[in-house]
N, C-alpha and C. Protein backbone atom coordinates (compact mmCIF):
# COMPACT_ATOMS: atom_id res chain seq x y z
N MET A 1 8.93 6.76 -2.91
CA MET A 1 9.01 8.45 -3.23
C MET A 1 8.01 9.26 -3.73
N GLY A 2 7.01 8.48 -4.14
CA GLY A 2 5.70 9.49 -4.22
C GLY A 2 4.79 9.97 -2.81
N LYS A 3 5.17 9.28 -2.09
CA LYS A 3 4.79 9.80 -0.41
C LYS A 3 5.44 11.14 -0.17
N LEU A 4 6.50 10.62 0.29
CA LEU A 4 7.98 12.33 0.14
C LEU A 4 7.44 12.95 -0.59
N ASP A 5 7.44 13.32 -1.75
CA ASP A 5 7.05 14.17 -2.84
C ASP A 5 6.20 14.84 -2.42
N ALA A 6 4.93 13.93 -2.09
CA ALA A 6 3.70 15.17 -1.99
C ALA A 6 3.53 15.64 -0.32
N ARG A 7 4.63 15.34 0.44
CA ARG A 7 4.86 15.98 1.52
C ARG A 7 5.75 17.18 1.56
N MET A 8 6.20 17.19 0.19
CA MET A 8 7.42 18.34 0.27
C MET A 8 7.05 19.46 -0.69
N SER A 9 7.14 20.87 -0.63
CA SER A 9 7.18 21.93 -1.51
C SER A 9 9.09 22.29 -1.97
N ASP A 10 9.15 22.54 -3.48
CA ASP A 10 9.85 23.17 -3.95
C ASP A 10 10.99 21.60 -4.06
N VAL A 11 10.25 20.54 -4.08
CA VAL A 11 11.05 19.26 -4.79
C VAL A 11 11.56 19.52 -5.91
N ARG A 12 12.70 19.32 -6.39
CA ARG A 12 13.23 18.99 -7.62
C ARG A 12 13.41 17.89 -8.05
N SER A 13 14.11 17.09 -7.18
CA SER A 13 13.60 15.92 -7.79
C SER A 13 14.24 14.34 -6.64
N ILE A 14 13.56 13.28 -6.65
CA ILE A 14 13.94 12.30 -5.46
C ILE A 14 14.75 11.30 -6.24
N GLU A 15 15.62 10.64 -6.23
CA GLU A 15 16.30 9.91 -6.92
C GLU A 15 16.37 8.48 -5.77
N LEU A 16 15.94 7.27 -6.35
CA LEU A 16 16.42 6.19 -5.71
C LEU A 16 17.80 5.53 -6.42
N ASP A 17 18.70 5.86 -4.92
CA ASP A 17 19.98 5.35 -5.40
C ASP A 17 19.85 3.67 -5.41
N ASN A 18 19.32 2.80 -4.32
CA ASN A 18 19.37 1.55 -4.28
C ASN A 18 18.34 1.28 -3.06
N ALA A 19 17.54 -0.22 -3.29
CA ALA A 19 16.87 -0.74 -2.34
C ALA A 19 17.04 -2.04 -2.58
N PHE A 20 17.42 -2.64 -0.83
CA PHE A 20 17.90 -3.58 -0.30
C PHE A 20 16.70 -4.52 0.35
N TYR A 21 16.13 -5.60 -0.32
CA TYR A 21 15.34 -6.48 0.56
C TYR A 21 15.95 -6.83 2.07
N VAL A 22 15.01 -6.93 3.17
CA VAL A 22 15.39 -7.26 4.39
C VAL A 22 14.64 -8.67 4.79
N GLU A 23 13.31 -8.10 4.93
CA GLU A 23 12.66 -9.27 5.11
C GLU A 23 10.93 -8.99 5.61
N ASP A 24 10.11 -9.84 4.89
CA ASP A 24 8.75 -9.60 5.49
C ASP A 24 8.35 -8.32 4.90
N GLY A 25 8.59 -7.89 3.52
CA GLY A 25 8.22 -6.91 3.01
C GLY A 25 8.99 -5.65 3.23
N SER A 26 9.89 -5.46 3.75
CA SER A 26 10.39 -4.33 4.22
C SER A 26 11.58 -4.24 3.31
N TRP A 27 11.92 -3.06 2.93
CA TRP A 27 13.37 -2.78 2.30
C TRP A 27 13.84 -1.65 3.07
N ILE A 28 15.10 -1.89 2.65
CA ILE A 28 16.17 -0.45 3.17
C ILE A 28 16.21 0.12 1.59
N GLU A 29 16.03 1.81 1.59
CA GLU A 29 16.06 2.09 0.55
C GLU A 29 17.02 3.31 0.20
N SER A 30 17.54 3.99 -0.44
CA SER A 30 18.46 5.03 -0.33
C SER A 30 18.48 6.16 -0.90
N LEU A 31 17.71 7.20 -0.96
CA LEU A 31 17.24 8.09 -1.98
C LEU A 31 18.09 9.53 -1.69
N THR A 32 18.08 10.47 -2.61
CA THR A 32 18.85 11.49 -2.86
C THR A 32 17.88 12.56 -3.41
N VAL A 33 17.83 13.36 -2.05
CA VAL A 33 16.50 14.26 -2.43
C VAL A 33 17.19 15.77 -2.41
N SER A 34 16.28 16.52 -3.72
CA SER A 34 16.99 17.86 -3.69
C SER A 34 15.79 18.90 -3.78
N THR A 35 15.75 19.52 -3.26
CA THR A 35 15.27 20.63 -3.14
C THR A 35 15.42 22.21 -3.06
N THR A 36 14.73 23.03 -3.28
CA THR A 36 15.65 24.80 -3.45
C THR A 36 14.94 25.37 -2.26
N THR A 37 14.47 24.52 -0.82
CA THR A 37 14.33 24.94 0.40
C THR A 37 14.89 23.57 1.34
N ASP A 38 15.21 24.28 2.35
CA ASP A 38 15.52 23.39 3.71
C ASP A 38 14.45 22.54 4.24
N PHE A 39 14.59 21.17 4.75
CA PHE A 39 13.72 20.53 5.06
C PHE A 39 14.37 19.42 6.22
N ASP A 40 13.93 19.22 6.85
CA ASP A 40 14.22 18.21 8.54
C ASP A 40 13.53 16.90 7.71
N PRO A 41 14.60 15.73 7.89
CA PRO A 41 14.33 14.30 7.21
C PRO A 41 13.52 13.57 8.17
N ASP A 42 13.77 13.76 9.56
CA ASP A 42 12.94 13.55 10.37
C ASP A 42 11.25 13.99 10.53
N GLU A 43 11.02 15.38 10.30
CA GLU A 43 10.01 15.71 10.15
C GLU A 43 9.00 15.32 8.88
N LEU A 44 9.71 15.11 7.96
CA LEU A 44 9.66 14.63 6.74
C LEU A 44 8.79 13.33 6.55
N VAL A 45 9.32 12.19 7.30
CA VAL A 45 9.04 10.88 7.35
C VAL A 45 8.09 10.65 8.62
N ALA A 46 7.87 11.27 9.42
CA ALA A 46 7.50 11.04 10.85
C ALA A 46 6.16 10.55 11.13
N ASP A 47 5.03 11.15 9.47
CA ASP A 47 3.91 10.85 9.79
C ASP A 47 3.48 9.62 8.55
N VAL A 48 4.56 9.47 8.02
CA VAL A 48 4.49 8.64 6.46
C VAL A 48 4.07 7.12 7.04
N SER A 49 3.04 6.26 6.73
CA SER A 49 2.55 5.06 6.99
C SER A 49 3.79 3.90 6.64
N GLY A 50 4.07 2.93 7.57
CA GLY A 50 5.48 1.89 7.09
C GLY A 50 6.61 2.60 6.81
N VAL A 51 7.20 4.11 6.75
CA VAL A 51 8.38 4.25 6.82
C VAL A 51 9.19 4.94 7.71
N ASP A 52 10.35 4.65 8.22
CA ASP A 52 11.34 5.20 8.83
C ASP A 52 12.62 5.10 8.86
N LEU A 53 12.77 6.68 9.24
CA LEU A 53 14.39 6.91 8.39
C LEU A 53 15.50 6.57 9.67
N VAL A 54 16.16 5.78 8.86
CA VAL A 54 17.58 5.12 9.23
C VAL A 54 18.62 6.44 9.65
N TYR A 55 18.82 6.97 8.58
CA TYR A 55 20.18 7.82 8.47
C TYR A 55 20.14 8.99 7.35
N SER A 56 20.72 9.99 7.32
CA SER A 56 20.50 11.05 6.87
C SER A 56 21.82 12.09 6.76
N ARG A 57 22.16 12.31 5.39
CA ARG A 57 23.30 13.47 5.56
C ARG A 57 23.39 14.47 4.13
N GLU A 58 23.65 15.39 4.72
CA GLU A 58 23.12 16.75 3.09
C GLU A 58 24.70 16.69 2.55
N ILE A 59 24.60 16.97 1.56
CA ILE A 59 25.25 16.81 0.49
C ILE A 59 25.65 18.45 0.06
N PRO A 60 27.20 18.86 0.25
CA PRO A 60 27.28 19.99 0.19
C PRO A 60 27.09 20.59 -1.36
N THR A 61 26.60 21.64 -1.62
CA THR A 61 26.29 22.06 -3.04
C THR A 61 26.96 23.20 -3.45
N GLY A 62 27.38 24.03 -2.41
CA GLY A 62 27.95 25.34 -2.44
C GLY A 62 27.05 26.25 -2.53
N PRO A 63 27.18 27.56 -2.98
CA PRO A 63 26.20 28.52 -2.98
C PRO A 63 25.14 28.55 -4.52
N THR A 64 24.37 27.38 -4.67
CA THR A 64 23.50 27.28 -5.77
C THR A 64 22.21 27.14 -5.44
N GLY A 65 21.72 27.17 -4.02
CA GLY A 65 20.20 27.65 -3.62
C GLY A 65 19.40 26.27 -3.80
N VAL A 66 20.53 25.17 -3.69
CA VAL A 66 19.48 23.83 -3.86
C VAL A 66 20.15 22.88 -2.56
N THR A 67 19.56 22.26 -2.01
CA THR A 67 19.69 21.43 -0.63
C THR A 67 19.45 20.09 -1.45
N VAL A 68 20.39 18.98 -0.96
CA VAL A 68 20.59 17.93 -1.54
C VAL A 68 21.05 17.16 -0.13
N GLN A 69 19.69 16.11 0.00
CA GLN A 69 20.06 15.23 1.17
C GLN A 69 19.74 13.92 0.56
N ARG A 70 20.96 12.95 1.05
CA ARG A 70 20.80 11.26 1.23
C ARG A 70 20.38 10.89 2.50
N LEU A 71 19.04 10.16 1.86
CA LEU A 71 18.27 9.44 2.99
C LEU A 71 18.41 7.85 3.37
N MET A 72 18.79 7.07 3.78
CA MET A 72 18.27 5.74 4.23
C MET A 72 17.18 5.50 4.95
N LEU A 73 16.17 4.75 4.46
CA LEU A 73 14.53 4.61 5.07
C LEU A 73 14.61 2.96 4.71
N VAL A 74 13.74 2.86 6.13
CA VAL A 74 12.95 1.50 6.16
C VAL A 74 11.95 1.41 5.50
N ALA A 75 11.40 0.88 4.33
CA ALA A 75 10.08 1.26 3.65
C ALA A 75 9.75 -0.26 4.27
N ASN A 76 8.12 -0.38 4.18
CA ASN A 76 7.25 -1.63 4.25
C ASN A 76 6.41 -1.36 3.06
N GLU A 77 6.98 -2.39 2.12
CA GLU A 77 6.11 -2.31 0.74
C GLU A 77 6.33 -3.46 -0.43
N SER A 78 5.10 -3.71 -1.09
CA SER A 78 5.67 -4.89 -1.79
C SER A 78 6.88 -4.76 -2.79
N TYR A 79 7.19 -4.13 -3.26
CA TYR A 79 8.24 -3.12 -4.33
C TYR A 79 8.38 -2.04 -4.19
N PRO A 80 9.57 -1.27 -4.11
CA PRO A 80 9.40 0.17 -4.22
C PRO A 80 9.40 1.07 -5.21
N PHE A 81 7.89 1.34 -5.59
CA PHE A 81 7.68 2.16 -6.83
C PHE A 81 7.73 1.11 -7.77
N VAL A 82 8.09 1.60 -8.80
CA VAL A 82 8.05 1.08 -10.63
C VAL A 82 9.45 0.41 -10.46
N LEU A 83 9.99 0.13 -9.28
CA LEU A 83 11.37 -0.92 -9.55
C LEU A 83 10.65 -2.21 -9.89
N GLY A 84 9.48 -2.40 -9.07
CA GLY A 84 8.57 -4.30 -9.21
C GLY A 84 8.38 -4.26 -10.74
N ILE A 85 8.04 -3.50 -11.43
CA ILE A 85 7.93 -3.89 -12.68
C ILE A 85 9.69 -4.15 -13.74
N VAL A 86 10.03 -3.28 -13.23
CA VAL A 86 11.55 -3.38 -14.11
C VAL A 86 12.03 -5.02 -13.59
N LEU A 87 12.24 -5.40 -12.23
CA LEU A 87 12.64 -6.17 -11.82
C LEU A 87 11.86 -7.61 -12.47
N ARG A 88 10.53 -7.74 -12.30
CA ARG A 88 9.95 -8.77 -13.03
C ARG A 88 10.30 -9.18 -14.53
N ARG A 89 10.63 -8.33 -15.21
CA ARG A 89 10.77 -8.41 -16.62
C ARG A 89 12.43 -8.83 -16.62
N GLU A 90 13.29 -8.92 -15.40
CA GLU A 90 14.82 -9.12 -15.55
C GLU A 90 15.73 -8.15 -16.54
N ALA A 91 15.43 -6.61 -16.22
CA ALA A 91 15.52 -5.56 -17.01
C ALA A 91 16.92 -5.23 -15.73
N ILE A 92 17.66 -4.34 -15.83
CA ILE A 92 18.78 -3.64 -15.19
C ILE A 92 18.34 -2.24 -15.24
N PRO A 93 17.89 -1.83 -13.15
CA PRO A 93 17.40 -0.31 -13.57
C PRO A 93 19.32 0.30 -13.39
N ASN A 94 19.05 1.36 -14.04
CA ASN A 94 20.19 1.89 -13.94
C ASN A 94 20.12 3.40 -13.11
N ARG A 95 18.85 3.71 -13.35
CA ARG A 95 18.62 5.08 -12.83
C ARG A 95 17.13 5.23 -12.82
N LEU A 96 16.62 5.58 -11.26
CA LEU A 96 14.99 6.08 -11.16
C LEU A 96 15.00 7.30 -10.57
N VAL A 97 14.72 8.12 -11.16
CA VAL A 97 14.16 9.55 -10.94
C VAL A 97 13.01 10.02 -10.96
N LEU A 98 12.37 10.83 -9.74
CA LEU A 98 11.06 10.99 -9.62
C LEU A 98 11.19 13.00 -10.18
N GLN A 99 10.44 13.53 -10.64
CA GLN A 99 10.63 14.65 -11.35
C GLN A 99 9.09 15.48 -11.18
N GLY A 100 8.65 15.74 -10.08
CA GLY A 100 7.29 16.06 -10.38
C GLY A 100 6.27 14.82 -10.64
N GLU A 101 5.65 15.12 -11.47
CA GLU A 101 4.83 14.02 -11.76
C GLU A 101 5.31 12.84 -12.85
N GLU A 102 6.49 12.98 -13.22
CA GLU A 102 7.18 12.06 -14.37
C GLU A 102 8.21 11.34 -13.65
N MET A 103 8.35 10.09 -13.97
CA MET A 103 9.15 9.33 -13.23
C MET A 103 10.33 8.90 -14.78
N ASN A 104 11.41 9.47 -14.62
CA ASN A 104 12.50 9.04 -15.22
C ASN A 104 13.46 7.91 -15.39
N LEU A 105 13.31 6.95 -16.20
CA LEU A 105 14.05 5.83 -15.92
C LEU A 105 15.44 5.29 -16.76
N VAL A 106 16.47 5.17 -16.48
CA VAL A 106 17.43 4.50 -17.78
C VAL A 106 17.53 3.10 -17.35
N ILE A 107 17.18 1.94 -18.41
CA ILE A 107 17.29 0.78 -17.66
C ILE A 107 18.05 0.10 -18.91
N THR A 108 18.46 -0.93 -18.59
CA THR A 108 19.55 -1.89 -19.46
C THR A 108 18.28 -3.25 -19.54
N VAL A 109 17.87 -3.26 -21.27
CA VAL A 109 17.32 -5.04 -21.53
C VAL A 109 18.38 -5.12 -22.41
N GLN A 110 18.14 -6.77 -22.31
CA GLN A 110 18.73 -7.72 -23.28
C GLN A 110 18.01 -7.12 -25.04
N ASP A 111 16.86 -7.05 -25.18
CA ASP A 111 16.85 -7.25 -26.58
C ASP A 111 15.45 -6.15 -27.11
N TRP A 112 15.45 -6.23 -28.05
CA TRP A 112 13.69 -5.34 -28.56
C TRP A 112 12.15 -5.81 -27.44
N GLU A 113 12.75 -7.23 -27.93
CA GLU A 113 11.36 -7.99 -27.61
C GLU A 113 11.27 -7.43 -25.72
N GLN A 114 12.53 -7.47 -24.99
CA GLN A 114 12.35 -7.47 -23.45
C GLN A 114 11.63 -6.22 -23.37
N PHE A 115 12.45 -5.21 -24.34
CA PHE A 115 12.18 -3.50 -23.87
C PHE A 115 10.71 -3.49 -24.16
N ARG A 116 9.82 -4.22 -25.12
CA ARG A 116 8.38 -3.89 -25.63
C ARG A 116 7.79 -4.52 -24.38
N ALA A 117 8.06 -5.83 -24.06
CA ALA A 117 7.18 -6.12 -23.01
C ALA A 117 7.04 -5.63 -21.48
N LEU A 118 8.42 -4.55 -21.14
CA LEU A 118 8.73 -4.00 -20.24
C LEU A 118 7.57 -2.80 -20.12
N ALA A 119 7.85 -2.39 -21.46
CA ALA A 119 7.22 -0.84 -22.06
C ALA A 119 5.56 -1.11 -21.59
N ASP A 120 5.14 -2.39 -22.03
CA ASP A 120 3.74 -2.45 -21.98
C ASP A 120 3.49 -2.98 -20.37
N ASP A 121 4.24 -3.21 -19.78
CA ASP A 121 3.78 -3.24 -18.32
C ASP A 121 4.03 -1.94 -17.92
N ILE A 122 4.65 -1.19 -18.24
CA ILE A 122 4.50 0.60 -17.33
C ILE A 122 3.34 1.09 -17.87
N GLN A 123 3.30 0.67 -19.28
CA GLN A 123 1.92 1.38 -19.67
C GLN A 123 0.76 0.86 -19.13
N ASP A 124 0.72 -0.32 -19.05
CA ASP A 124 -0.42 -0.94 -18.29
C ASP A 124 -0.77 -0.54 -16.84
N SER A 125 0.56 -0.50 -16.12
CA SER A 125 0.60 -0.11 -14.32
C SER A 125 0.48 1.44 -14.41
N LEU A 126 0.98 1.90 -14.87
CA LEU A 126 0.86 3.69 -14.74
C LEU A 126 0.29 4.51 -15.80
N GLY A 127 -0.20 3.93 -16.89
CA GLY A 127 -1.40 4.53 -17.75
C GLY A 127 -0.30 5.20 -18.58
N GLN A 128 1.07 5.53 -18.95
CA GLN A 128 1.67 6.14 -19.72
C GLN A 128 3.10 5.76 -19.54
N PHE A 129 3.52 5.92 -21.10
CA PHE A 129 5.01 5.67 -21.09
C PHE A 129 5.59 6.45 -22.28
N GLU A 130 6.89 6.66 -22.40
CA GLU A 130 7.23 7.58 -23.26
C GLU A 130 8.45 7.09 -23.62
N LEU A 131 8.94 7.01 -24.68
CA LEU A 131 10.46 6.40 -25.09
C LEU A 131 11.16 7.87 -25.32
N GLU A 132 12.28 8.27 -24.78
CA GLU A 132 12.96 9.47 -25.27
C GLU A 132 14.35 9.12 -25.87
N SER A 133 14.75 8.17 -25.81
CA SER A 133 15.90 7.56 -26.50
C SER A 133 16.17 6.46 -26.10
N MET A 134 17.41 5.45 -27.19
CA MET A 134 17.96 4.33 -26.96
C MET A 134 18.91 4.10 -27.57
N ASN A 135 20.05 3.37 -27.08
CA ASN A 135 21.25 3.36 -27.26
C ASN A 135 21.93 1.65 -26.93
N GLN A 136 22.88 1.18 -28.02
CA GLN A 136 23.10 -0.46 -28.32
C GLN A 136 24.22 -0.06 -27.44
N ILE A 137 24.40 -1.03 -26.69
CA ILE A 137 25.76 -0.66 -25.54
C ILE A 137 26.38 -2.58 -25.70
N GLU A 138 27.58 -2.77 -25.14
CA GLU A 138 28.08 -3.77 -25.32
C GLU A 138 28.25 -4.88 -24.30
N THR A 139 27.90 -3.95 -23.12
CA THR A 139 27.92 -4.35 -21.93
C THR A 139 26.79 -4.05 -20.96
N PRO A 140 26.44 -4.68 -20.27
CA PRO A 140 25.41 -4.16 -19.04
C PRO A 140 25.77 -3.15 -18.65
N GLY A 141 24.76 -1.93 -18.37
CA GLY A 141 24.60 -1.06 -17.39
C GLY A 141 24.97 -1.61 -15.79
N GLU A 142 25.51 -0.34 -15.41
CA GLU A 142 25.33 -0.58 -13.94
C GLU A 142 24.44 -0.47 -13.36
N PRO A 143 23.72 -1.64 -12.53
CA PRO A 143 22.26 -1.07 -11.59
C PRO A 143 22.60 0.05 -10.79
N LEU A 144 21.54 0.43 -9.91
CA LEU A 144 21.27 1.22 -9.21
C LEU A 144 22.49 1.71 -8.55
N ASP A 145 22.86 2.91 -8.01
CA ASP A 145 24.44 2.98 -7.52
C ASP A 145 24.48 2.43 -6.08
N GLY A 146 24.63 1.24 -5.73
CA GLY A 146 25.07 0.81 -4.62
C GLY A 146 26.01 1.22 -3.68
N GLY A 147 26.89 2.23 -4.20
CA GLY A 147 28.10 2.91 -3.56
C GLY A 147 27.60 3.80 -2.54
N ARG A 148 26.18 4.19 -2.85
CA ARG A 148 25.72 5.17 -2.11
C ARG A 148 24.96 4.55 -0.96
N LEU A 149 24.34 3.70 -0.99
CA LEU A 149 24.20 2.60 0.11
C LEU A 149 25.04 2.05 1.07
N SER A 150 26.12 1.75 0.17
CA SER A 150 27.46 1.09 1.01
C SER A 150 28.12 1.88 1.98
N GLU A 151 27.91 3.31 1.43
CA GLU A 151 28.98 4.40 2.21
C GLU A 151 28.51 4.00 3.60
N VAL A 152 26.95 4.06 4.08
CA VAL A 152 26.41 3.54 4.98
C VAL A 152 26.50 2.48 5.95
N LEU A 153 26.70 1.50 4.86
CA LEU A 153 27.26 -0.18 5.48
C LEU A 153 28.44 -0.29 6.17
N ILE A 154 29.64 0.35 4.98
CA ILE A 154 30.67 0.38 5.50
C ILE A 154 31.09 1.14 6.72
N THR A 155 30.36 1.89 6.98
CA THR A 155 30.80 2.83 8.38
C THR A 155 30.08 1.76 9.62
N LYS A 156 29.26 1.15 9.31
CA LYS A 156 28.32 0.85 10.50
C LYS A 156 29.01 -0.94 10.48
N LEU A 157 29.10 -1.90 10.00
CA LEU A 157 29.59 -3.41 9.70
C LEU A 157 31.29 -3.34 9.38
N ALA A 158 31.43 -4.29 10.67
CA ALA A 158 33.29 -4.77 10.70
C ALA A 158 33.43 -4.69 9.12
N ASP A 159 34.93 -4.95 8.75
CA ASP A 159 35.31 -5.35 7.70
C ASP A 159 34.99 -7.06 7.52
N GLU A 160 35.39 -7.59 8.44
CA GLU A 160 35.02 -8.88 8.62
C GLU A 160 33.50 -9.49 8.29
N GLN A 161 32.60 -8.82 8.63
CA GLN A 161 31.27 -8.68 8.53
C GLN A 161 31.10 -8.39 7.21
N LEU A 162 31.21 -7.49 6.79
CA LEU A 162 31.24 -6.77 5.07
C LEU A 162 31.49 -8.07 4.24
N THR A 163 32.70 -8.80 4.86
CA THR A 163 33.40 -9.92 3.60
C THR A 163 32.38 -10.63 3.52
N VAL A 164 31.87 -11.22 4.60
CA VAL A 164 31.29 -12.47 4.96
C VAL A 164 30.07 -12.31 3.87
N LEU A 165 29.36 -11.39 4.34
CA LEU A 165 28.09 -10.85 3.47
C LEU A 165 28.40 -10.55 2.28
N GLU A 166 29.07 -10.02 1.49
CA GLU A 166 29.29 -9.86 0.00
C GLU A 166 29.90 -11.51 -0.51
N THR A 167 30.82 -12.35 0.13
CA THR A 167 30.83 -13.60 -0.55
C THR A 167 29.95 -14.24 -0.37
N ALA A 168 28.86 -14.28 0.76
CA ALA A 168 27.69 -15.04 0.73
C ALA A 168 26.78 -14.95 -0.43
N TYR A 169 26.62 -13.24 -0.59
CA TYR A 169 25.63 -12.69 -1.71
C TYR A 169 26.30 -12.79 -3.11
N ASN A 170 27.28 -12.63 -3.37
CA ASN A 170 27.96 -13.03 -4.80
C ASN A 170 28.08 -14.83 -5.37
N MET A 171 27.93 -15.60 -3.94
CA MET A 171 28.33 -16.87 -4.37
C MET A 171 26.62 -17.61 -4.33
N GLY A 172 25.63 -16.50 -4.42
CA GLY A 172 24.09 -17.23 -4.48
C GLY A 172 23.54 -18.26 -2.84
N TYR A 173 24.50 -17.66 -1.95
CA TYR A 173 23.71 -18.35 -0.25
C TYR A 173 22.60 -17.62 -0.40
N PHE A 174 22.39 -16.41 -0.86
CA PHE A 174 20.85 -15.89 -0.21
C PHE A 174 19.70 -16.04 -1.34
N ASP A 175 20.04 -16.51 -2.58
CA ASP A 175 19.13 -16.53 -3.67
C ASP A 175 18.44 -17.85 -3.05
N VAL A 176 16.64 -17.65 -4.16
CA VAL A 176 16.09 -18.99 -3.38
C VAL A 176 15.76 -19.44 -5.14
N PRO A 177 16.05 -20.65 -5.26
CA PRO A 177 16.99 -21.53 -4.08
C PRO A 177 18.58 -21.21 -4.15
N ARG A 178 18.78 -21.46 -3.47
CA ARG A 178 20.24 -21.59 -3.08
C ARG A 178 21.19 -22.20 -4.08
N GLU A 179 22.08 -20.95 -4.36
CA GLU A 179 23.31 -21.46 -5.03
C GLU A 179 24.45 -21.93 -4.84
N ALA A 180 24.75 -21.77 -3.51
CA ALA A 180 25.80 -22.17 -2.86
C ALA A 180 25.54 -22.79 -1.41
N THR A 181 26.08 -23.80 -0.62
CA THR A 181 25.33 -23.62 0.85
C THR A 181 26.77 -23.14 1.59
N ALA A 182 26.29 -23.40 2.96
CA ALA A 182 27.21 -22.64 4.08
C ALA A 182 28.63 -23.18 3.69
N GLN A 183 28.70 -24.80 3.76
CA GLN A 183 30.31 -24.98 3.16
C GLN A 183 30.80 -24.30 2.30
N ASP A 184 29.93 -24.73 1.10
CA ASP A 184 30.58 -23.63 -0.23
C ASP A 184 31.62 -22.54 0.05
N VAL A 185 30.42 -21.70 0.83
CA VAL A 185 31.07 -20.26 1.28
C VAL A 185 31.97 -20.07 2.13
N ALA A 186 32.31 -21.16 3.01
CA ALA A 186 33.25 -21.44 4.40
C ALA A 186 34.42 -21.57 3.85
N ASP A 187 34.26 -22.60 2.47
CA ASP A 187 35.77 -22.85 1.77
C ASP A 187 36.26 -21.83 0.99
N ARG A 188 35.40 -21.09 0.33
CA ARG A 188 35.80 -19.75 -0.43
C ARG A 188 36.53 -18.62 0.42
N LEU A 189 35.64 -19.04 1.85
CA LEU A 189 36.43 -18.22 2.66
C LEU A 189 37.91 -18.39 3.41
N ASP A 190 38.13 -19.86 3.22
CA ASP A 190 39.00 -20.56 3.89
C ASP A 190 38.83 -20.37 5.40
N ILE A 191 37.96 -20.61 5.85
CA ILE A 191 37.15 -21.03 7.67
C ILE A 191 36.68 -22.23 7.52
N SER A 192 36.13 -22.97 8.57
CA SER A 192 35.50 -23.59 8.96
C SER A 192 33.97 -23.55 8.99
N GLN A 193 32.93 -24.33 8.43
CA GLN A 193 31.73 -24.06 8.52
C GLN A 193 30.78 -23.58 9.55
N SER A 194 31.27 -23.91 10.59
CA SER A 194 30.56 -23.28 11.57
C SER A 194 30.83 -21.76 12.26
N THR A 195 32.42 -21.55 11.88
CA THR A 195 32.80 -20.26 11.84
C THR A 195 31.99 -18.81 10.85
N PHE A 196 31.97 -19.91 9.47
CA PHE A 196 30.86 -18.88 8.54
C PHE A 196 29.42 -18.61 9.11
N SER A 197 29.21 -19.44 10.09
CA SER A 197 27.95 -19.46 10.23
C SER A 197 27.79 -18.58 11.29
N GLU A 198 29.02 -18.43 12.16
CA GLU A 198 28.96 -17.61 13.44
C GLU A 198 29.03 -15.98 12.85
N ARG A 199 30.13 -16.09 11.93
CA ARG A 199 30.18 -14.52 11.45
C ARG A 199 28.91 -14.26 10.64
N LEU A 200 28.18 -14.77 10.21
CA LEU A 200 27.36 -14.25 9.03
C LEU A 200 26.08 -14.02 10.35
N ARG A 201 25.63 -15.10 10.96
CA ARG A 201 24.80 -14.11 12.48
C ARG A 201 25.32 -13.06 12.86
N THR A 202 26.28 -13.09 13.18
CA THR A 202 26.75 -11.63 13.61
C THR A 202 26.60 -10.59 12.92
N ALA A 203 26.78 -11.36 11.65
CA ALA A 203 27.06 -9.87 10.40
C ALA A 203 25.58 -9.24 10.37
N GLU A 204 24.76 -10.67 10.36
CA GLU A 204 22.77 -10.36 9.73
C GLU A 204 22.41 -9.25 11.59
N ARG A 205 23.19 -9.82 12.40
CA ARG A 205 22.31 -8.89 13.74
C ARG A 205 22.73 -7.87 13.62
N SER A 206 24.21 -7.15 12.79
CA SER A 206 24.59 -5.60 12.73
C SER A 206 23.46 -5.12 12.02
N LEU A 207 23.46 -5.69 10.72
CA LEU A 207 22.52 -5.25 9.99
C LEU A 207 21.05 -5.12 10.58
N PHE A 208 20.81 -6.00 11.04
CA PHE A 208 19.45 -5.40 11.64
C PHE A 208 19.35 -4.76 12.39
N ASP A 209 20.30 -4.67 13.57
CA ASP A 209 20.26 -3.49 14.52
C ASP A 209 20.45 -1.96 13.91
N LEU A 210 21.39 -2.05 12.69
CA LEU A 210 21.28 -1.04 11.83
C LEU A 210 19.51 -0.35 11.69
N VAL A 211 19.29 -1.53 10.96
CA VAL A 211 17.70 -1.21 10.29
C VAL A 211 16.77 -0.79 10.96
N TYR A 212 16.63 -1.73 12.26
CA TYR A 212 15.56 -1.15 13.28
C TYR A 212 15.58 -0.52 14.65
N GLY A 213 17.36 -0.10 14.48
CA GLY A 213 17.69 0.74 15.92
C GLY A 213 17.00 1.85 16.21
N SER A 214 16.80 2.70 14.75
CA SER A 214 15.97 3.99 15.13
C SER A 214 14.45 3.67 15.52
N ARG A 215 13.99 2.75 15.57
CA ARG A 215 12.71 2.54 16.28
C ARG A 215 12.36 2.64 17.56
N ASP A 216 13.35 2.53 18.23
CA ASP A 216 13.43 2.18 19.54
C ASP A 216 13.33 3.93 20.42
């Protein structure tokens, strides 16, 4: 986010909508970029090291004088920006927005001790932390807006592929260590293990084609 902000003029905000880890330090990142001037997403990332543009779409805003584009990038980095600090403390990132030199975070934590530890980590890593407000809620807040990344994946992957990936993910098949075996997921889907493995490989190949296809 910081790399893109430094390359653009008249940026109002860059919001990290979601981040999806692929492999070998590569992340799929969904960003919403708001500016007061038009910009070309391809030119924006053309010379940024370790970043490739996969998808872009302009969001209609009417006669507001503001240009909003949704970008999906493949970025090679240890963790996307401040997200790593949040995740290592097992907090839920609800919203991450870069505005100028300030990063505004909306985060759900379990208790005061977890908040203090997270605040200390941010202070130590970034040099400054300021609490604007705090609210007590009954249920955890929703994590980063997965719907914005999903809108891309849903249009590119077949329903069968999405079902296999979602079921395997929800059951912990991709966790380390795994919380579910291939047979567990196959049973949930009411298919054989060999059929599950075949569908999973097909879905993963389609996903990787989406991620890496723009590099050709």
